[in-house]
Amino acid sequence: MRDAPPSRWHAEGCTEALEAAEALARGLERPGAVAPTGWTVVKDRPMRVVLRSTRPGPEGPQEVVAKVRRAARAADRARNRLRGPRGPLEGSLLRDLAEAGVAVPQVLGWSADPAAGVDVLLLRRVPNARDLDEVAREPATHARARALVEDVARLLRRAHDAGWYDADLHRGNLLVGPAGVTLLDPGTSPLRGSLPAPRRVHALGLAAHGLNATPRQGLAALRAYHDGDRDTARRWLPLVASAARSAARAYRRRRSRRARRTGRHFEVSRLEGGVRVVRNADRAPAAWARVAPDWLARDPEGARALKAGGRVLAARLAGLDETVVVKRFDATWRDRLRTPRAIRGFRRAYGLRVRGVAAPEPLLAASDASGRGILVTAFAGRSPEAIDLARLAERIRAGRAPMDLDDRAVRDRALHRLGRFLRHLHDAEVAHRDLKAPNLVAWSGPRGIAFGVVDLEGARTLDRPVPWRRRARDLARLDASLSPTDASRTDRLRVLRGYWAGFARPPVALAAFARRVAAASARKRGPTGAPR
């Protein structure tokens, strides 16, 4: 571990590049400032802006990346006074990791002058590399996906051997390029020697959560992490999975509080007349909060009904270049005594997204003193072509199947993916007491047909695993909402097999679970057998 790094340092031949980065940092001290000519913005956040450019180097022009930190809040300024500016700390850590054999970007320089508002880190851009989140969304062969998992595991092994530990590892912090996987943002905690086994388990649990790894991927990663030792990988798997579940619960609790108070991502306010408004500050224009009382009184101009009754509408609202969904809630006496349904729907939609369950992104919720409210969301999957499963079954029966579902192979894969989605919903500790065909939607995504849940009033987020009897009841509700002509017995079994395809082995047999779902579905249908 190095001593405290100097406030200014640069590699040989990078003086001019660092001076340009320092001038850049002075001009971007305030959010909203425009980057000068020659610099391209990669990311722009209130706390940090990342830009790239081509600057002179010791061997000629080179592509560089400048990470400019902003002390936007008093807490950040106080933290910088205690720990020091982030640029030198992160740059020094990257150099230590590179010396330990960990793949990281090359550090070209850093500079920190709090009085002048300068805190910048200059790196050489990793050529032909993309972040793991972008790569993971693309179709890939089994061999390619497995090789990528193993590369990440070997990178983590080298980093842990060097003493690296950081709680904020996610897909955006790893770059994938021709030379392998690179650790992009290591944090600022200094290296303190090789991690002991308990700390490695915790670090791997945090990584499994942050990288959204499945148990099957986790086992392959642990084998690579332990140099191919299968027995050690199997012993570590339940320990790492438990640490990942603990990390997920802590993350959900912390993130779910955001939609309840004004902060960087949400704006919570009260207007005249007792109107409560929650706005997604990242996506919804600020003007929406002011006109929300007008939308409570009348439908937005140009809105069209999506469902009979006029309570669910599609509209294009000023300030956002996409069609959104507006759902109305009638006034009830209960909502005068509790959080109104529109506000609860906003929080549930965000809670499901935090848990990785596909659901409409909440944009704005408003409610008056009587409980009357509106909830504005994006379309599930950001696709206005999303169609609920009830209408999808009708179209397939009428010979007008969308998304190539008239092809039996495509339909079988879609049914399997539906089962996987339902399993993920329950594994994320979400139960849904109104899980039926009209409340689930499908759309064509980059990796095939995807599914999401759109009616959130019946969703319940739990702090414990969903019991298997409750899982059977949820699936039985979906089964009972479809007629025998909508889905054959083979189709229903294919969904259950997709549900069973998760790597974690269920405590009951598939046949017994299928019988339980069928019995619960028959009770739900009643003596007529009609869908309910």
Protein backbone atom coordinates (compact mmCIF):
# COMPACT_ATOMS: atom_id res chain seq x y z
CA MET A 1 0.00 0.00 0.00
CA ARG A 2 1.34 3.43 -0.91
CA ASP A 3 1.54 6.48 1.29
CA ALA A 4 -0.97 9.30 0.80
CA PRO A 5 -0.79 10.19 -2.90
CA PRO A 6 0.33 13.65 -4.00
CA SER A 7 -2.36 16.12 -4.99
CA ARG A 8 -0.98 16.28 -8.54
CA TRP A 9 0.80 13.64 -10.61
CA HIS A 10 1.13 12.69 -14.26
CA ALA A 11 2.90 10.04 -16.29
CA GLU A 12 5.85 10.97 -18.45
CA GLY A 13 4.81 12.86 -21.55
CA CYS A 14 1.24 13.54 -20.30
CA THR A 15 1.74 17.09 -18.97
CA GLU A 16 -0.31 18.73 -21.73
CA ALA A 17 -3.11 16.19 -21.41
CA LEU A 18 -3.39 16.72 -17.63
CA GLU A 19 -3.42 20.52 -18.03
CA ALA A 20 -6.29 20.19 -20.50
CA ALA A 21 -8.15 17.98 -18.01
CA GLU A 22 -7.61 20.54 -15.23
CA ALA A 23 -9.02 23.33 -17.42
CA LEU A 24 -11.94 21.04 -18.22
CA ALA A 25 -12.61 20.42 -14.51
CA ARG A 26 -12.69 24.16 -13.75
CA GLY A 27 -15.28 24.71 -16.46
CA LEU A 28 -17.50 21.80 -15.34
CA GLU A 29 -17.56 22.58 -11.64
CA ARG A 30 -21.32 23.24 -11.78
CA PRO A 31 -23.91 20.75 -13.17
CA GLY A 32 -25.31 21.82 -16.53
CA ALA A 33 -22.06 23.35 -17.79
CA VAL A 34 -21.25 22.67 -21.44
CA ALA A 35 -18.12 20.64 -22.26
CA PRO A 36 -15.55 22.54 -24.35
CA THR A 37 -14.77 21.67 -27.95
CA GLY A 38 -12.77 18.50 -28.34
CA TRP A 39 -14.34 16.67 -25.39
CA THR A 40 -17.25 14.23 -25.71
CA VAL A 41 -19.49 13.56 -22.71
CA VAL A 42 -19.80 9.87 -21.84
CA LYS A 43 -21.74 10.21 -18.57
CA ASP A 44 -23.07 13.28 -16.79
CA ARG A 45 -24.25 12.97 -13.20
CA PRO A 46 -24.61 15.60 -10.46
CA MET A 47 -21.60 14.08 -8.66
CA ARG A 48 -19.43 13.10 -11.63
CA VAL A 49 -19.00 13.74 -15.34
CA VAL A 50 -16.98 11.44 -17.58
CA LEU A 51 -15.61 12.70 -20.90
CA ARG A 52 -13.31 11.38 -23.58
CA SER A 53 -10.98 13.07 -26.03
CA THR A 54 -7.77 12.62 -28.02
CA ARG A 55 -4.73 14.28 -26.43
CA PRO A 56 -0.94 14.29 -27.00
CA GLY A 57 1.03 11.52 -25.31
CA PRO A 58 4.59 10.29 -25.18
CA GLU A 59 4.08 8.20 -28.33
CA GLY A 60 1.73 10.54 -30.16
CA PRO A 61 -2.04 11.21 -29.96
CA GLN A 62 -3.88 8.92 -27.57
CA GLU A 63 -7.51 8.46 -26.54
CA VAL A 64 -8.04 9.57 -22.95
CA VAL A 65 -10.90 9.58 -20.46
CA ALA A 66 -11.29 12.31 -17.82
CA LYS A 67 -13.36 11.63 -14.69
CA VAL A 68 -14.32 14.97 -13.12
CA ARG A 69 -15.77 14.91 -9.60
CA ARG A 70 -18.14 17.56 -8.30
CA ALA A 71 -18.64 18.24 -4.60
CA ALA A 72 -22.30 19.14 -5.11
CA ARG A 73 -23.42 18.57 -1.51
CA ALA A 74 -22.08 19.77 1.83
CA ALA A 75 -21.66 16.14 2.92
CA ASP A 76 -19.39 15.47 -0.06
CA ARG A 77 -17.27 18.52 0.66
CA ALA A 78 -16.91 17.45 4.30
CA ARG A 79 -15.97 13.92 3.25
CA ASN A 80 -13.32 15.25 0.87
CA ARG A 81 -11.79 17.27 3.71
CA LEU A 82 -11.58 14.12 5.86
CA ARG A 83 -10.49 11.53 3.30
CA GLY A 84 -9.01 13.71 0.61
CA PRO A 85 -10.21 14.28 -2.99
CA ARG A 86 -11.29 11.19 -4.89
CA GLY A 87 -9.13 11.63 -8.00
CA PRO A 88 -5.73 11.04 -6.31
CA LEU A 89 -7.12 8.21 -4.15
CA GLU A 90 -8.69 6.35 -7.07
CA GLY A 91 -5.68 6.95 -9.31
CA SER A 92 -3.27 5.66 -6.68
CA LEU A 93 -5.45 2.56 -6.13
CA LEU A 94 -5.53 1.84 -9.87
CA ARG A 95 -1.73 1.98 -9.99
CA ASP A 96 -1.48 -0.43 -7.04
CA LEU A 97 -3.90 -2.85 -8.70
CA ALA A 98 -1.98 -2.69 -11.98
CA GLU A 99 1.23 -3.57 -10.13
CA ALA A 100 -0.58 -6.57 -8.60
CA GLY A 101 -1.51 -7.87 -12.07
CA VAL A 102 -5.18 -6.77 -12.08
CA ALA A 103 -6.48 -5.55 -15.44
CA VAL A 104 -7.32 -1.84 -14.98
CA PRO A 105 -7.10 1.24 -17.22
CA GLN A 106 -3.69 2.91 -17.41
CA VAL A 107 -3.47 5.99 -15.19
CA LEU A 108 -2.09 9.05 -17.02
CA GLY A 109 -2.47 11.58 -14.21
CA TRP A 110 -4.61 13.20 -11.57
CA SER A 111 -5.03 16.61 -10.01
CA ALA A 112 -6.92 17.90 -6.97
CA ASP A 113 -7.29 21.48 -5.80
CA PRO A 114 -10.47 21.90 -3.68
CA ALA A 115 -10.06 25.70 -3.56
CA ALA A 116 -10.19 25.85 -7.37
CA GLY A 117 -12.89 23.20 -7.68
CA VAL A 118 -10.57 20.72 -9.42
CA ASP A 119 -10.77 16.96 -8.78
CA VAL A 120 -9.93 15.06 -11.96
CA LEU A 121 -8.51 11.66 -12.88
CA LEU A 122 -7.06 11.10 -16.34
CA LEU A 123 -6.98 7.57 -17.79
CA ARG A 124 -6.03 5.98 -21.08
CA ARG A 125 -9.16 4.74 -22.82
CA VAL A 126 -9.39 0.95 -23.08
CA PRO A 127 -9.57 0.30 -26.86
CA ASN A 128 -12.58 -1.48 -28.38
CA ALA A 129 -14.16 -2.13 -24.97
CA ARG A 130 -17.79 -1.91 -23.85
CA ASP A 131 -19.26 -2.19 -20.40
CA LEU A 132 -20.57 -5.54 -19.22
CA ASP A 133 -24.17 -4.30 -19.03
CA GLU A 134 -24.23 -3.57 -22.76
CA VAL A 135 -22.56 -6.89 -23.62
CA ALA A 136 -24.91 -8.91 -21.39
CA ARG A 137 -27.98 -7.60 -23.25
CA GLU A 138 -26.80 -9.07 -26.54
CA PRO A 139 -27.46 -12.66 -27.69
CA ALA A 140 -24.48 -14.92 -27.02
CA THR A 141 -23.61 -18.60 -27.38
CA HIS A 142 -23.37 -20.74 -24.27
CA ALA A 143 -19.60 -21.03 -24.71
CA ARG A 144 -19.16 -17.25 -25.04
CA ALA A 145 -21.34 -16.53 -21.99
CA ARG A 146 -19.46 -19.10 -19.92
CA ALA A 147 -16.07 -17.73 -20.99
CA LEU A 148 -17.17 -14.24 -19.98
CA VAL A 149 -18.29 -15.45 -16.54
CA GLU A 150 -14.96 -17.20 -16.02
CA ASP A 151 -13.00 -14.10 -17.10
CA VAL A 152 -14.84 -12.00 -14.51
CA ALA A 153 -14.16 -14.63 -11.83
CA ARG A 154 -10.43 -14.69 -12.57
CA LEU A 155 -10.31 -10.90 -12.45
CA LEU A 156 -11.99 -10.93 -9.03
CA ARG A 157 -9.57 -13.61 -7.78
CA ARG A 158 -6.55 -11.48 -8.71
CA ALA A 159 -8.16 -8.39 -7.18
CA HIS A 160 -9.01 -10.20 -3.93
CA ASP A 161 -5.52 -11.67 -3.75
CA ALA A 162 -4.23 -8.09 -3.97
CA GLY A 163 -6.52 -7.02 -1.13
CA TRP A 164 -9.19 -5.18 -3.13
CA TYR A 165 -12.68 -4.93 -1.65
CA ASP A 166 -15.49 -2.65 -2.79
CA ALA A 167 -19.23 -2.78 -2.16
CA ASP A 168 -20.21 -1.00 -5.40
CA LEU A 169 -19.28 -3.52 -8.07
CA HIS A 170 -21.86 -3.60 -10.86
CA ARG A 171 -21.96 -4.26 -14.60
CA GLY A 172 -21.14 -0.66 -15.46
CA ASN A 173 -17.81 -0.97 -13.59
CA LEU A 174 -16.46 -3.77 -15.81
CA LEU A 175 -15.31 -3.35 -19.40
CA VAL A 176 -15.23 -6.23 -21.89
CA GLY A 177 -12.74 -6.00 -24.75
CA PRO A 178 -10.57 -8.17 -26.98
CA ALA A 179 -7.94 -8.41 -24.21
CA GLY A 180 -10.47 -9.60 -21.60
CA VAL A 181 -12.32 -8.00 -18.70
CA THR A 182 -11.08 -4.74 -17.15
CA LEU A 183 -11.99 -3.30 -13.75
CA LEU A 184 -13.03 0.27 -14.46
CA ASP A 185 -14.11 1.89 -11.17
CA PRO A 186 -12.41 0.30 -8.12
CA GLY A 187 -13.49 2.85 -5.51
CA THR A 188 -10.96 4.45 -3.18
CA SER A 189 -10.36 1.95 -0.34
CA PRO A 190 -6.61 1.15 -0.18
CA LEU A 191 -5.26 -2.37 -0.49
CA ARG A 192 -4.59 -4.03 2.86
CA GLY A 193 -3.29 -7.47 1.98
CA SER A 194 -4.94 -10.61 0.62
CA LEU A 195 -8.57 -11.00 1.73
CA PRO A 196 -9.31 -13.80 4.23
CA ALA A 197 -11.89 -16.45 3.28
CA PRO A 198 -14.89 -14.93 5.18
CA ARG A 199 -14.29 -11.54 3.59
CA ARG A 200 -13.95 -13.16 0.16
CA VAL A 201 -17.33 -14.83 0.61
CA HIS A 202 -18.91 -11.48 1.46
CA ALA A 203 -17.15 -9.76 -1.45
CA LEU A 204 -18.30 -12.47 -3.86
CA GLY A 205 -21.85 -12.16 -2.54
CA LEU A 206 -21.78 -8.42 -3.22
CA ALA A 207 -20.39 -9.12 -6.69
CA ALA A 208 -23.08 -11.73 -7.43
CA HIS A 209 -25.76 -9.22 -6.47
CA GLY A 210 -24.21 -6.26 -8.29
CA LEU A 211 -23.51 -8.23 -11.46
CA ASN A 212 -26.96 -9.91 -11.36
CA ALA A 213 -25.46 -13.38 -11.62
CA THR A 214 -27.65 -16.47 -11.67
CA PRO A 215 -26.79 -19.49 -9.45
CA ARG A 216 -25.70 -21.43 -12.53
CA GLN A 217 -23.35 -18.63 -13.54
CA GLY A 218 -22.22 -18.41 -9.92
CA LEU A 219 -21.13 -22.04 -9.84
CA ALA A 220 -19.14 -21.65 -13.07
CA ALA A 221 -17.58 -18.46 -11.71
CA LEU A 222 -16.61 -20.12 -8.42
CA ARG A 223 -14.94 -22.97 -10.28
CA ALA A 224 -12.83 -20.47 -12.23
CA TYR A 225 -12.22 -18.45 -9.05
CA HIS A 226 -10.81 -21.58 -7.34
CA ASP A 227 -8.74 -22.69 -10.37
CA GLY A 228 -11.19 -25.41 -11.40
CA ASP A 229 -11.70 -26.98 -7.96
CA ARG A 230 -15.29 -28.24 -8.23
CA ASP A 231 -15.60 -29.42 -4.62
CA THR A 232 -14.53 -26.05 -3.19
CA ALA A 233 -16.86 -24.26 -5.63
CA ARG A 234 -19.84 -26.34 -4.46
CA ARG A 235 -19.00 -25.71 -0.79
CA TRP A 236 -18.76 -21.97 -1.38
CA LEU A 237 -21.90 -21.68 -3.52
CA PRO A 238 -24.49 -21.70 -0.67
CA LEU A 239 -22.31 -19.33 1.39
CA VAL A 240 -21.97 -16.85 -1.47
CA ALA A 241 -25.69 -17.20 -2.33
CA SER A 242 -26.62 -16.35 1.27
CA ALA A 243 -24.33 -13.30 1.20
CA ALA A 244 -25.88 -12.23 -2.12
CA ARG A 245 -29.42 -12.50 -0.68
CA SER A 246 -28.39 -10.37 2.31
CA ALA A 247 -26.86 -7.79 -0.03
CA ALA A 248 -30.02 -7.79 -2.17
CA ARG A 249 -32.30 -7.18 0.83
CA ALA A 250 -30.12 -4.34 2.10
CA TYR A 251 -30.04 -2.82 -1.38
CA ARG A 252 -33.83 -3.05 -1.75
CA ARG A 253 -34.50 -1.41 1.61
CA ARG A 254 -32.08 1.39 0.90
CA ARG A 255 -33.31 2.03 -2.63
CA SER A 256 -37.02 1.72 -1.89
CA ARG A 257 -36.84 4.62 0.56
CA ARG A 258 -35.92 6.94 -2.30
CA ALA A 259 -39.47 7.18 -3.65
CA ARG A 260 -40.68 8.44 -0.25
CA ARG A 261 -38.63 11.61 0.01
CA THR A 262 -37.16 14.34 -2.15
CA GLY A 263 -33.66 13.49 -3.30
CA ARG A 264 -31.46 13.13 -6.34
CA HIS A 265 -33.88 10.79 -8.14
CA PHE A 266 -37.35 11.67 -6.79
CA GLU A 267 -39.30 14.79 -5.91
CA VAL A 268 -42.05 14.51 -3.29
CA SER A 269 -44.24 17.58 -2.82
CA ARG A 270 -47.60 18.85 -1.60
CA LEU A 271 -49.55 21.39 -3.64
CA GLU A 272 -52.52 23.58 -2.87
CA GLY A 273 -55.75 21.74 -2.19
CA GLY A 274 -54.03 18.83 -0.47
CA VAL A 275 -52.63 17.34 -3.69
CA ARG A 276 -49.68 14.99 -3.11
CA VAL A 277 -47.22 14.45 -5.97
CA VAL A 278 -44.30 12.06 -6.42
CA ARG A 279 -42.17 12.64 -9.53
CA ASN A 280 -39.37 10.60 -11.06
CA ALA A 281 -36.82 13.41 -11.37
CA ASP A 282 -34.62 11.38 -13.74
CA ARG A 283 -37.30 10.98 -16.41
CA ALA A 284 -40.38 13.11 -15.80
CA PRO A 285 -40.20 16.85 -16.64
CA ALA A 286 -40.47 19.20 -13.65
CA ALA A 287 -43.50 20.90 -15.24
CA TRP A 288 -45.53 17.71 -14.75
CA ALA A 289 -45.73 18.29 -11.00
CA ARG A 290 -47.38 21.68 -11.59
CA VAL A 291 -50.00 20.43 -14.06
CA ALA A 292 -50.80 17.22 -12.14
CA PRO A 293 -53.89 18.82 -10.48
CA ASP A 294 -55.30 19.53 -13.97
CA TRP A 295 -54.80 15.87 -14.96
CA LEU A 296 -56.69 14.83 -11.83
CA ALA A 297 -59.69 16.86 -13.02
CA ARG A 298 -59.61 15.97 -16.74
CA ASP A 299 -57.84 13.63 -19.14
CA PRO A 300 -54.69 14.94 -20.86
CA GLU A 301 -55.29 16.27 -24.35
CA GLY A 302 -55.16 13.58 -27.03
CA ALA A 303 -55.40 10.66 -24.58
CA ARG A 304 -56.95 7.42 -25.83
CA ALA A 305 -58.41 4.57 -23.80
CA LEU A 306 -56.40 1.35 -23.49
CA LYS A 307 -59.07 -0.53 -21.53
CA ALA A 308 -62.84 -0.38 -21.38
CA GLY A 309 -64.08 2.08 -18.79
CA GLY A 310 -61.56 4.81 -19.58
CA ARG A 311 -59.49 4.32 -16.41
CA VAL A 312 -56.32 3.35 -18.30
CA LEU A 313 -55.20 5.75 -21.04
CA ALA A 314 -52.32 6.21 -23.46
CA ALA A 315 -51.11 9.76 -24.04
CA ARG A 316 -48.15 11.85 -25.16
CA LEU A 317 -47.44 14.44 -22.50
CA ALA A 318 -45.51 17.65 -23.10
CA GLY A 319 -41.81 17.41 -22.30
CA LEU A 320 -41.33 13.67 -22.93
CA ASP A 321 -40.91 12.26 -26.41
CA GLU A 322 -42.72 8.96 -25.91
CA THR A 323 -46.20 7.62 -25.30
CA VAL A 324 -46.99 6.91 -21.65
CA VAL A 325 -49.74 5.18 -19.69
CA VAL A 326 -52.05 7.19 -17.40
CA LYS A 327 -54.06 5.16 -14.90
CA ARG A 328 -56.90 6.75 -12.92
CA PHE A 329 -57.98 5.84 -9.38
CA ASP A 330 -61.40 6.74 -8.01
CA ALA A 331 -61.82 8.39 -4.63
CA THR A 332 -62.40 5.98 -1.73
CA TRP A 333 -62.91 6.62 1.96
CA ARG A 334 -60.04 4.25 2.78
CA ASP A 335 -57.56 6.37 0.85
CA ARG A 336 -58.37 9.28 3.14
CA LEU A 337 -56.94 7.27 6.04
CA ARG A 338 -53.93 5.68 4.34
CA THR A 339 -51.45 6.26 1.55
CA PRO A 340 -53.55 6.69 -1.64
CA ARG A 341 -53.49 3.91 -4.21
CA ALA A 342 -51.78 6.06 -6.86
CA ILE A 343 -48.84 6.78 -4.54
CA ARG A 344 -48.70 3.12 -3.46
CA GLY A 345 -48.70 2.04 -7.11
CA PHE A 346 -45.74 4.34 -7.81
CA ARG A 347 -43.79 2.85 -4.92
CA ARG A 348 -44.65 -0.73 -5.88
CA ALA A 349 -43.59 -0.18 -9.48
CA TYR A 350 -40.28 1.19 -8.31
CA GLY A 351 -39.93 -1.61 -5.74
CA LEU A 352 -40.40 -4.27 -8.42
CA ARG A 353 -37.84 -2.62 -10.69
CA VAL A 354 -35.37 -2.47 -7.81
CA ARG A 355 -35.81 -6.24 -7.47
CA GLY A 356 -35.14 -6.77 -11.17
CA VAL A 357 -38.74 -7.64 -12.07
CA ALA A 358 -39.91 -6.21 -15.39
CA ALA A 359 -42.62 -3.65 -14.64
CA PRO A 360 -43.61 -0.22 -16.00
CA GLU A 361 -41.21 2.53 -14.98
CA PRO A 362 -43.09 4.98 -12.68
CA LEU A 363 -42.92 8.59 -13.84
CA LEU A 364 -45.43 10.50 -11.70
CA ALA A 365 -48.18 9.88 -9.15
CA ALA A 366 -50.64 12.44 -7.81
CA SER A 367 -53.58 12.20 -5.41
CA ASP A 368 -55.91 14.69 -3.75
CA ALA A 369 -57.38 14.68 -0.25
CA SER A 370 -60.31 12.45 -1.30
CA GLY A 371 -57.98 9.70 -2.55
CA ARG A 372 -58.65 10.33 -6.24
CA GLY A 373 -55.39 9.93 -8.11
CA ILE A 374 -53.44 9.24 -11.29
CA LEU A 375 -50.36 7.15 -11.94
CA VAL A 376 -48.23 7.91 -15.01
CA THR A 377 -45.83 5.17 -16.14
CA ALA A 378 -43.86 4.20 -19.20
CA PHE A 379 -45.02 1.20 -21.20
CA ALA A 380 -43.62 -2.11 -19.97
CA GLY A 381 -40.37 -2.73 -21.81
CA ARG A 382 -40.66 0.85 -23.15
CA SER A 383 -42.70 -0.75 -25.96
CA PRO A 384 -46.18 0.57 -26.88
CA GLU A 385 -46.62 -2.71 -28.81
CA ALA A 386 -46.68 -4.69 -25.55
CA ILE A 387 -49.80 -6.88 -25.45
CA ASP A 388 -51.43 -8.54 -22.47
CA LEU A 389 -51.61 -12.33 -22.39
CA ALA A 390 -55.43 -12.44 -22.61
CA ARG A 391 -55.48 -10.52 -25.90
CA LEU A 392 -52.43 -12.44 -27.08
CA ALA A 393 -54.28 -15.74 -26.56
CA GLU A 394 -57.29 -14.37 -28.48
CA ARG A 395 -55.12 -13.36 -31.44
CA ILE A 396 -53.36 -16.72 -31.54
CA ARG A 397 -56.74 -18.49 -31.46
CA ALA A 398 -58.00 -16.27 -34.31
CA GLY A 399 -54.90 -16.99 -36.44
CA ARG A 400 -53.46 -13.46 -36.08
CA ALA A 401 -50.52 -14.28 -33.81
CA PRO A 402 -48.01 -11.39 -33.40
CA MET A 403 -44.25 -11.77 -32.81
CA ASP A 404 -44.07 -14.94 -34.98
CA LEU A 405 -45.97 -16.92 -32.34
CA ASP A 406 -47.72 -18.91 -35.04
CA ASP A 407 -44.41 -20.79 -35.28
CA ARG A 408 -44.59 -23.65 -32.78
CA ALA A 409 -40.88 -23.46 -31.91
CA VAL A 410 -41.11 -19.73 -31.17
CA ARG A 411 -44.22 -20.28 -29.05
CA ASP A 412 -42.54 -23.06 -27.06
CA ARG A 413 -39.56 -20.83 -26.30
CA ALA A 414 -41.92 -18.03 -25.28
CA LEU A 415 -43.82 -20.33 -22.89
CA HIS A 416 -40.53 -21.43 -21.36
CA ARG A 417 -39.47 -17.79 -20.91
CA LEU A 418 -42.83 -17.03 -19.30
CA GLY A 419 -42.14 -19.73 -16.73
CA ARG A 420 -38.67 -18.32 -16.13
CA PHE A 421 -40.14 -14.84 -15.62
CA LEU A 422 -42.67 -16.12 -13.08
CA ARG A 423 -39.91 -17.98 -11.23
CA HIS A 424 -37.80 -14.81 -11.15
CA LEU A 425 -40.79 -12.88 -9.80
CA HIS A 426 -41.11 -15.26 -6.86
CA ASP A 427 -37.37 -15.65 -6.32
CA ALA A 428 -37.20 -11.86 -5.99
CA GLU A 429 -39.53 -12.27 -2.99
CA VAL A 430 -42.58 -10.84 -4.76
CA ALA A 431 -46.03 -12.42 -4.46
CA HIS A 432 -48.99 -11.34 -6.59
CA ARG A 433 -52.51 -12.15 -5.43
CA ASP A 434 -54.02 -11.00 -8.76
CA LEU A 435 -51.67 -12.71 -11.19
CA LYS A 436 -53.83 -13.27 -14.26
CA ALA A 437 -53.50 -13.03 -18.01
CA PRO A 438 -54.72 -9.40 -18.45
CA ASN A 439 -52.13 -8.25 -15.87
CA LEU A 440 -49.13 -9.73 -17.69
CA VAL A 441 -47.80 -8.35 -20.97
CA ALA A 442 -45.41 -9.61 -23.64
CA TRP A 443 -43.28 -7.73 -26.13
CA SER A 444 -40.50 -8.47 -28.59
CA GLY A 445 -37.12 -7.70 -27.01
CA PRO A 446 -33.52 -7.93 -28.25
CA ARG A 447 -33.17 -11.46 -26.83
CA GLY A 448 -36.61 -12.77 -27.78
CA ILE A 449 -40.07 -12.38 -26.32
CA ALA A 450 -39.99 -10.75 -22.89
CA PHE A 451 -42.65 -10.53 -20.19
CA GLY A 452 -43.63 -8.04 -17.50
CA VAL A 453 -46.31 -7.38 -14.91
CA VAL A 454 -48.44 -4.25 -15.36
CA ASP A 455 -51.17 -4.37 -12.70
CA LEU A 456 -49.35 -3.74 -9.43
CA GLU A 457 -52.21 -3.44 -6.94
CA GLY A 458 -52.00 -7.14 -6.13
CA ALA A 459 -48.20 -7.23 -5.90
CA ARG A 460 -46.66 -7.66 -2.45
CA THR A 461 -42.93 -7.28 -1.84
CA LEU A 462 -41.78 -9.50 1.01
CA ASP A 463 -38.66 -9.61 3.17
CA ARG A 464 -38.55 -13.41 3.07
CA PRO A 465 -38.76 -16.13 0.41
CA VAL A 466 -42.22 -16.70 -1.08
CA PRO A 467 -43.60 -20.00 0.36
CA TRP A 468 -44.22 -22.74 -2.20
CA ARG A 469 -47.92 -22.94 -1.38
CA ARG A 470 -48.21 -19.24 -2.12
CA ARG A 471 -46.31 -19.75 -5.37
CA ALA A 472 -48.75 -22.48 -6.38
CA ARG A 473 -51.73 -20.20 -5.66
CA ASP A 474 -50.25 -17.40 -7.75
CA LEU A 475 -49.67 -19.71 -10.70
CA ALA A 476 -53.13 -21.20 -10.26
CA ARG A 477 -54.69 -17.74 -10.60
CA LEU A 478 -52.90 -17.29 -13.91
CA ASP A 479 -53.97 -20.75 -15.05
CA ALA A 480 -57.61 -20.10 -14.08
CA SER A 481 -57.67 -16.84 -16.05
CA LEU A 482 -57.23 -18.74 -19.33
CA SER A 483 -59.70 -21.09 -20.96
CA PRO A 484 -58.69 -24.61 -22.07
CA THR A 485 -58.78 -23.41 -25.70
CA ASP A 486 -56.31 -20.60 -24.93
CA ALA A 487 -53.60 -22.96 -23.74
CA SER A 488 -53.36 -26.72 -24.00
CA ARG A 489 -52.22 -29.01 -21.21
CA THR A 490 -48.84 -29.27 -22.96
CA ASP A 491 -48.54 -25.46 -23.04
CA ARG A 492 -49.28 -25.23 -19.32
CA LEU A 493 -46.71 -27.93 -18.53
CA ARG A 494 -44.14 -26.12 -20.63
CA VAL A 495 -44.65 -22.97 -18.53
CA LEU A 496 -44.19 -25.02 -15.35
CA ARG A 497 -41.03 -26.62 -16.74
CA GLY A 498 -39.68 -23.15 -17.47
CA TYR A 499 -40.57 -22.22 -13.90
CA TRP A 500 -38.63 -25.29 -12.73
CA ALA A 501 -35.59 -24.52 -14.92
CA GLY A 502 -33.93 -22.37 -12.24
CA PHE A 503 -30.63 -23.73 -10.99
CA ALA A 504 -31.71 -23.66 -7.32
CA ARG A 505 -33.49 -26.96 -6.71
CA PRO A 506 -37.06 -26.62 -5.33
CA PRO A 507 -38.03 -28.58 -2.20
CA VAL A 508 -40.93 -30.33 -3.97
CA ALA A 509 -41.11 -32.42 -7.14
CA LEU A 510 -42.35 -30.90 -10.40
CA ALA A 511 -45.17 -33.44 -10.74
CA ALA A 512 -46.43 -32.77 -7.21
CA PHE A 513 -46.24 -29.02 -7.74
CA ALA A 514 -48.10 -29.30 -11.07
CA ARG A 515 -50.90 -31.27 -9.36
CA ARG A 516 -51.12 -28.62 -6.64
CA VAL A 517 -51.38 -25.83 -9.25
CA ALA A 518 -54.04 -27.75 -11.21
CA ALA A 519 -56.12 -28.41 -8.08
CA ALA A 520 -55.96 -24.77 -6.99
CA SER A 521 -56.86 -23.66 -10.52
CA ALA A 522 -59.93 -25.95 -10.55
CA ARG A 523 -61.10 -24.50 -7.24
CA LYS A 524 -60.62 -20.99 -8.59
CA ARG A 525 -62.65 -21.73 -11.72
CA GLY A 526 -65.54 -23.18 -9.78
CA PRO A 527 -68.12 -25.69 -11.07
CA THR A 528 -68.56 -23.98 -14.46
CA GLY A 529 -64.88 -24.22 -15.36
CA ALA A 530 -65.01 -20.75 -16.93
CA PRO A 531 -61.94 -18.48 -16.67
CA ARG A 532 -61.90 -16.21 -13.61
